Amino acid sequence: SMSRDPNAVKLREMNIRKLFGDTAFSKIVCLDTGAPKHSVLAKYNGEGLYWIEDNYNNCLAGLEYGLKPILMEHGFNMMEHLPPGVTKVTAWKEIYELITGEKAYG
């Protein structure tokens, strides 16, 4: 969640495509800042997809819907206890390695 402002969404999509290429994500969903994510996550219930988050509660919501949560570590979530099924990382490189099973270069 960040904003539903069309200009902000367009910039977010441009940044994602710049960093990950045009084919890394098939869909990008932007919610209002602080909006609950349950209704969006419910659409993917039981799919076993990866769910990358920095908010601990939203990470747990992804786990509740049968996703594979990856919690990106930040100062505001460093002390959180992680339940089984949640992985904490410090960099996108770790996410790449988790998802692909390959060593990232760089």
N, C-alpha and C. Protein backbone atom coordinates (compact mmCIF):
# COMPACT_ATOMS: atom_id res chain seq x y z
N SER A 1 0.85 -1.18 0.00
CA SER A 1 0.00 0.00 0.00
C SER A 1 0.88 1.23 0.00
N MET A 2 0.48 2.19 -0.77
CA MET A 2 1.24 3.42 -0.88
C MET A 2 0.33 4.57 -1.25
N SER A 3 -0.50 4.38 -2.24
CA SER A 3 -1.40 5.42 -2.69
C SER A 3 -2.21 4.88 -3.86
N ARG A 4 -3.36 5.48 -4.07
CA ARG A 4 -4.13 5.16 -5.26
C ARG A 4 -4.09 6.32 -6.25
N ASP A 5 -3.30 7.33 -5.93
CA ASP A 5 -3.12 8.45 -6.83
C ASP A 5 -2.55 7.92 -8.15
N PRO A 6 -3.21 8.18 -9.28
CA PRO A 6 -2.75 7.62 -10.56
C PRO A 6 -1.30 7.94 -10.90
N ASN A 7 -0.83 9.13 -10.57
CA ASN A 7 0.57 9.48 -10.85
C ASN A 7 1.52 8.68 -9.98
N ALA A 8 1.19 8.51 -8.71
CA ALA A 8 2.02 7.73 -7.80
C ALA A 8 2.07 6.27 -8.24
N VAL A 9 0.93 5.73 -8.66
CA VAL A 9 0.86 4.35 -9.12
C VAL A 9 1.73 4.17 -10.37
N LYS A 10 1.62 5.12 -11.29
CA LYS A 10 2.41 5.04 -12.52
C LYS A 10 3.92 5.07 -12.21
N LEU A 11 4.32 5.94 -11.29
CA LEU A 11 5.73 5.99 -10.91
C LEU A 11 6.18 4.70 -10.23
N ARG A 12 5.34 4.13 -9.37
CA ARG A 12 5.67 2.86 -8.71
C ARG A 12 5.85 1.76 -9.75
N GLU A 13 4.93 1.69 -10.71
CA GLU A 13 5.03 0.67 -11.75
C GLU A 13 6.30 0.87 -12.59
N MET A 14 6.63 2.12 -12.91
CA MET A 14 7.86 2.40 -13.67
C MET A 14 9.09 1.95 -12.90
N ASN A 15 9.13 2.23 -11.61
CA ASN A 15 10.27 1.82 -10.78
C ASN A 15 10.40 0.31 -10.71
N ILE A 16 9.27 -0.38 -10.56
CA ILE A 16 9.29 -1.84 -10.49
C ILE A 16 9.80 -2.43 -11.80
N ARG A 17 9.31 -1.92 -12.91
CA ARG A 17 9.76 -2.42 -14.21
C ARG A 17 11.25 -2.10 -14.45
N LYS A 18 11.69 -0.94 -14.00
CA LYS A 18 13.10 -0.57 -14.15
C LYS A 18 13.99 -1.52 -13.36
N LEU A 19 13.58 -1.86 -12.14
CA LEU A 19 14.39 -2.73 -11.29
C LEU A 19 14.31 -4.20 -11.67
N PHE A 20 13.11 -4.66 -12.06
CA PHE A 20 12.90 -6.10 -12.25
C PHE A 20 12.59 -6.52 -13.67
N GLY A 21 12.48 -5.56 -14.59
CA GLY A 21 12.14 -5.89 -15.97
C GLY A 21 10.64 -5.92 -16.19
N ASP A 22 10.26 -6.09 -17.44
CA ASP A 22 8.84 -6.03 -17.80
C ASP A 22 8.07 -7.32 -17.51
N THR A 23 8.77 -8.42 -17.27
CA THR A 23 8.07 -9.70 -17.12
C THR A 23 8.12 -10.28 -15.71
N ALA A 24 8.76 -9.60 -14.76
CA ALA A 24 8.90 -10.16 -13.41
C ALA A 24 7.56 -10.26 -12.69
N PHE A 25 6.68 -9.32 -12.92
CA PHE A 25 5.38 -9.30 -12.25
C PHE A 25 4.27 -9.27 -13.29
N SER A 26 3.28 -10.11 -13.12
CA SER A 26 2.16 -10.11 -14.07
C SER A 26 1.07 -9.13 -13.66
N LYS A 27 1.09 -8.72 -12.38
CA LYS A 27 0.06 -7.80 -11.89
C LYS A 27 0.62 -6.99 -10.73
N ILE A 28 0.31 -5.71 -10.71
CA ILE A 28 0.71 -4.83 -9.63
C ILE A 28 -0.56 -4.20 -9.08
N VAL A 29 -0.79 -4.36 -7.78
CA VAL A 29 -1.99 -3.81 -7.12
C VAL A 29 -1.54 -2.78 -6.12
N CYS A 30 -2.06 -1.56 -6.24
CA CYS A 30 -1.72 -0.50 -5.29
C CYS A 30 -2.95 -0.14 -4.47
N LEU A 31 -2.77 -0.08 -3.17
CA LEU A 31 -3.84 0.27 -2.24
C LEU A 31 -3.52 1.60 -1.59
N ASP A 32 -4.54 2.21 -1.00
CA ASP A 32 -4.31 3.45 -0.26
C ASP A 32 -3.35 3.21 0.90
N THR A 33 -2.66 4.24 1.30
CA THR A 33 -1.74 4.15 2.42
C THR A 33 -2.48 3.65 3.66
N GLY A 34 -1.95 2.59 4.26
CA GLY A 34 -2.53 2.04 5.47
C GLY A 34 -3.78 1.20 5.26
N ALA A 35 -4.19 1.01 4.02
CA ALA A 35 -5.41 0.23 3.75
C ALA A 35 -5.19 -1.23 4.14
N PRO A 36 -6.23 -1.88 4.69
CA PRO A 36 -6.10 -3.30 5.00
C PRO A 36 -5.94 -4.12 3.72
N LYS A 37 -5.21 -5.19 3.81
CA LYS A 37 -4.89 -5.99 2.62
C LYS A 37 -5.68 -7.30 2.53
N HIS A 38 -6.50 -7.57 3.52
CA HIS A 38 -7.21 -8.85 3.56
C HIS A 38 -8.03 -9.12 2.31
N SER A 39 -8.78 -8.13 1.83
CA SER A 39 -9.65 -8.36 0.67
C SER A 39 -8.84 -8.70 -0.58
N VAL A 40 -7.67 -8.10 -0.72
CA VAL A 40 -6.81 -8.40 -1.87
C VAL A 40 -6.16 -9.77 -1.69
N LEU A 41 -5.66 -10.05 -0.49
CA LEU A 41 -5.00 -11.33 -0.24
C LEU A 41 -5.96 -12.51 -0.38
N ALA A 42 -7.21 -12.30 -0.02
CA ALA A 42 -8.20 -13.38 -0.10
C ALA A 42 -8.35 -13.92 -1.52
N LYS A 43 -8.10 -13.08 -2.51
CA LYS A 43 -8.19 -13.50 -3.91
C LYS A 43 -7.14 -14.56 -4.25
N TYR A 44 -6.08 -14.62 -3.47
CA TYR A 44 -4.98 -15.55 -3.72
C TYR A 44 -4.92 -16.66 -2.68
N ASN A 45 -6.00 -16.83 -1.94
CA ASN A 45 -6.08 -17.81 -0.86
C ASN A 45 -5.67 -19.20 -1.35
N GLY A 46 -4.70 -19.79 -0.66
CA GLY A 46 -4.30 -21.15 -0.95
C GLY A 46 -3.43 -21.33 -2.18
N GLU A 47 -3.04 -20.26 -2.85
CA GLU A 47 -2.25 -20.35 -4.08
C GLU A 47 -0.78 -20.66 -3.82
N GLY A 48 -0.32 -20.44 -2.58
CA GLY A 48 1.08 -20.70 -2.26
C GLY A 48 2.06 -19.74 -2.90
N LEU A 49 1.58 -18.56 -3.27
CA LEU A 49 2.43 -17.55 -3.89
C LEU A 49 3.29 -16.86 -2.84
N TYR A 50 4.38 -16.26 -3.26
CA TYR A 50 5.20 -15.48 -2.35
C TYR A 50 4.52 -14.15 -2.07
N TRP A 51 4.65 -13.69 -0.82
CA TRP A 51 4.06 -12.42 -0.38
C TRP A 51 5.17 -11.66 0.31
N ILE A 52 5.64 -10.59 -0.32
CA ILE A 52 6.76 -9.80 0.21
C ILE A 52 6.20 -8.57 0.90
N GLU A 53 6.57 -8.40 2.17
CA GLU A 53 6.01 -7.34 3.01
C GLU A 53 7.08 -6.76 3.91
N ASP A 54 6.83 -5.55 4.40
CA ASP A 54 7.67 -5.01 5.46
C ASP A 54 6.86 -4.77 6.73
N ASN A 55 5.57 -4.92 6.63
CA ASN A 55 4.68 -4.75 7.78
C ASN A 55 4.38 -6.12 8.38
N TYR A 56 4.71 -6.29 9.65
CA TYR A 56 4.56 -7.58 10.31
C TYR A 56 3.11 -8.10 10.26
N ASN A 57 2.14 -7.25 10.56
CA ASN A 57 0.74 -7.69 10.57
C ASN A 57 0.26 -8.08 9.18
N ASN A 58 0.68 -7.35 8.16
CA ASN A 58 0.32 -7.72 6.80
C ASN A 58 1.01 -9.00 6.37
N CYS A 59 2.19 -9.22 6.89
CA CYS A 59 2.91 -10.47 6.64
C CYS A 59 2.11 -11.66 7.20
N LEU A 60 1.62 -11.50 8.42
CA LEU A 60 0.81 -12.55 9.04
C LEU A 60 -0.49 -12.76 8.28
N ALA A 61 -1.06 -11.70 7.75
CA ALA A 61 -2.29 -11.83 6.94
C ALA A 61 -2.01 -12.69 5.72
N GLY A 62 -0.87 -12.51 5.08
CA GLY A 62 -0.51 -13.34 3.95
C GLY A 62 -0.39 -14.80 4.33
N LEU A 63 0.19 -15.08 5.48
CA LEU A 63 0.30 -16.44 5.98
C LEU A 63 -1.08 -17.04 6.22
N GLU A 64 -1.98 -16.23 6.76
CA GLU A 64 -3.36 -16.67 7.01
C GLU A 64 -4.06 -17.13 5.72
N TYR A 65 -3.70 -16.53 4.59
CA TYR A 65 -4.31 -16.88 3.31
C TYR A 65 -3.50 -17.89 2.52
N GLY A 66 -2.58 -18.57 3.17
CA GLY A 66 -1.85 -19.65 2.52
C GLY A 66 -0.75 -19.19 1.58
N LEU A 67 -0.29 -17.97 1.75
CA LEU A 67 0.82 -17.48 0.95
C LEU A 67 2.14 -17.78 1.65
N LYS A 68 3.25 -17.52 0.98
CA LYS A 68 4.58 -17.72 1.55
C LYS A 68 5.16 -16.34 1.87
N PRO A 69 4.95 -15.85 3.07
CA PRO A 69 5.40 -14.50 3.41
C PRO A 69 6.91 -14.38 3.56
N ILE A 70 7.43 -13.31 2.99
CA ILE A 70 8.82 -12.91 3.17
C ILE A 70 8.76 -11.52 3.77
N LEU A 71 9.31 -11.38 4.97
CA LEU A 71 9.30 -10.09 5.66
C LEU A 71 10.63 -9.37 5.42
N MET A 72 10.57 -8.22 4.75
CA MET A 72 11.75 -7.40 4.52
C MET A 72 12.07 -6.66 5.82
N GLU A 73 13.25 -6.88 6.34
CA GLU A 73 13.63 -6.30 7.63
C GLU A 73 13.81 -4.79 7.55
N HIS A 74 13.22 -4.11 8.50
CA HIS A 74 13.37 -2.67 8.69
C HIS A 74 13.47 -2.40 10.19
N GLY A 75 13.87 -1.22 10.56
CA GLY A 75 14.00 -0.86 11.97
C GLY A 75 12.71 -1.04 12.74
N PHE A 76 11.56 -0.87 12.09
CA PHE A 76 10.28 -0.97 12.80
C PHE A 76 9.77 -2.39 12.94
N ASN A 77 10.45 -3.41 12.38
CA ASN A 77 9.98 -4.79 12.55
C ASN A 77 11.10 -5.73 13.01
N MET A 78 12.19 -5.20 13.51
CA MET A 78 13.34 -6.01 13.88
C MET A 78 13.07 -6.91 15.09
N MET A 79 12.22 -6.52 15.98
CA MET A 79 12.00 -7.28 17.19
C MET A 79 10.84 -8.27 17.08
N GLU A 80 10.22 -8.33 15.95
CA GLU A 80 9.05 -9.20 15.79
C GLU A 80 9.46 -10.69 15.81
N HIS A 81 8.65 -11.47 16.49
CA HIS A 81 8.82 -12.93 16.50
C HIS A 81 8.17 -13.48 15.24
N LEU A 82 8.87 -14.33 14.53
CA LEU A 82 8.33 -14.88 13.29
C LEU A 82 7.75 -16.26 13.50
N PRO A 83 6.51 -16.47 13.11
CA PRO A 83 5.94 -17.81 13.20
C PRO A 83 6.50 -18.70 12.09
N PRO A 84 6.36 -20.01 12.22
CA PRO A 84 6.79 -20.90 11.14
C PRO A 84 6.09 -20.51 9.84
N GLY A 85 6.85 -20.57 8.76
CA GLY A 85 6.29 -20.23 7.45
C GLY A 85 6.61 -18.83 6.99
N VAL A 86 7.21 -18.01 7.87
CA VAL A 86 7.60 -16.65 7.51
C VAL A 86 9.12 -16.56 7.50
N THR A 87 9.67 -15.99 6.43
CA THR A 87 11.11 -15.81 6.31
C THR A 87 11.42 -14.32 6.35
N LYS A 88 12.43 -13.94 7.14
CA LYS A 88 12.86 -12.54 7.18
C LYS A 88 14.14 -12.38 6.38
N VAL A 89 14.20 -11.34 5.56
CA VAL A 89 15.38 -11.04 4.75
C VAL A 89 15.78 -9.59 4.94
N THR A 90 16.99 -9.26 4.50
CA THR A 90 17.47 -7.88 4.61
C THR A 90 17.68 -7.23 3.25
N ALA A 91 17.60 -8.01 2.16
CA ALA A 91 17.86 -7.46 0.83
C ALA A 91 17.10 -8.23 -0.25
N TRP A 92 16.85 -7.55 -1.36
CA TRP A 92 16.16 -8.18 -2.49
C TRP A 92 16.96 -9.35 -3.04
N LYS A 93 18.26 -9.30 -2.91
CA LYS A 93 19.11 -10.40 -3.36
C LYS A 93 18.71 -11.71 -2.67
N GLU A 94 18.42 -11.64 -1.37
CA GLU A 94 17.99 -12.83 -0.63
C GLU A 94 16.65 -13.35 -1.15
N ILE A 95 15.77 -12.44 -1.50
CA ILE A 95 14.46 -12.84 -2.04
C ILE A 95 14.65 -13.57 -3.36
N TYR A 96 15.49 -13.03 -4.21
CA TYR A 96 15.79 -13.68 -5.49
C TYR A 96 16.29 -15.10 -5.26
N GLU A 97 17.23 -15.25 -4.34
CA GLU A 97 17.81 -16.56 -4.07
C GLU A 97 16.79 -17.53 -3.49
N LEU A 98 15.91 -17.04 -2.61
CA LEU A 98 14.86 -17.89 -2.04
C LEU A 98 13.91 -18.39 -3.12
N ILE A 99 13.50 -17.50 -3.99
CA ILE A 99 12.49 -17.83 -4.99
C ILE A 99 13.06 -18.71 -6.11
N THR A 100 14.27 -18.38 -6.57
CA THR A 100 14.84 -19.10 -7.71
C THR A 100 15.69 -20.30 -7.32
N GLY A 101 16.19 -20.29 -6.07
CA GLY A 101 17.10 -21.34 -5.65
C GLY A 101 18.48 -21.19 -6.25
N GLU A 102 18.75 -20.02 -6.86
CA GLU A 102 20.04 -19.74 -7.48
C GLU A 102 20.77 -18.66 -6.73
N LYS A 103 22.07 -18.68 -6.78
CA LYS A 103 22.90 -17.66 -6.18
C LYS A 103 22.82 -16.39 -7.04
N ALA A 104 22.56 -15.27 -6.40
CA ALA A 104 22.50 -13.99 -7.11
C ALA A 104 23.91 -13.44 -7.28
N TYR A 105 24.11 -12.77 -8.37
CA TYR A 105 25.41 -12.13 -8.63
C TYR A 105 25.32 -10.66 -8.26
N GLY A 106 26.42 -10.13 -7.78
CA GLY A 106 26.48 -8.70 -7.49
C GLY A 106 26.33 -8.37 -6.05
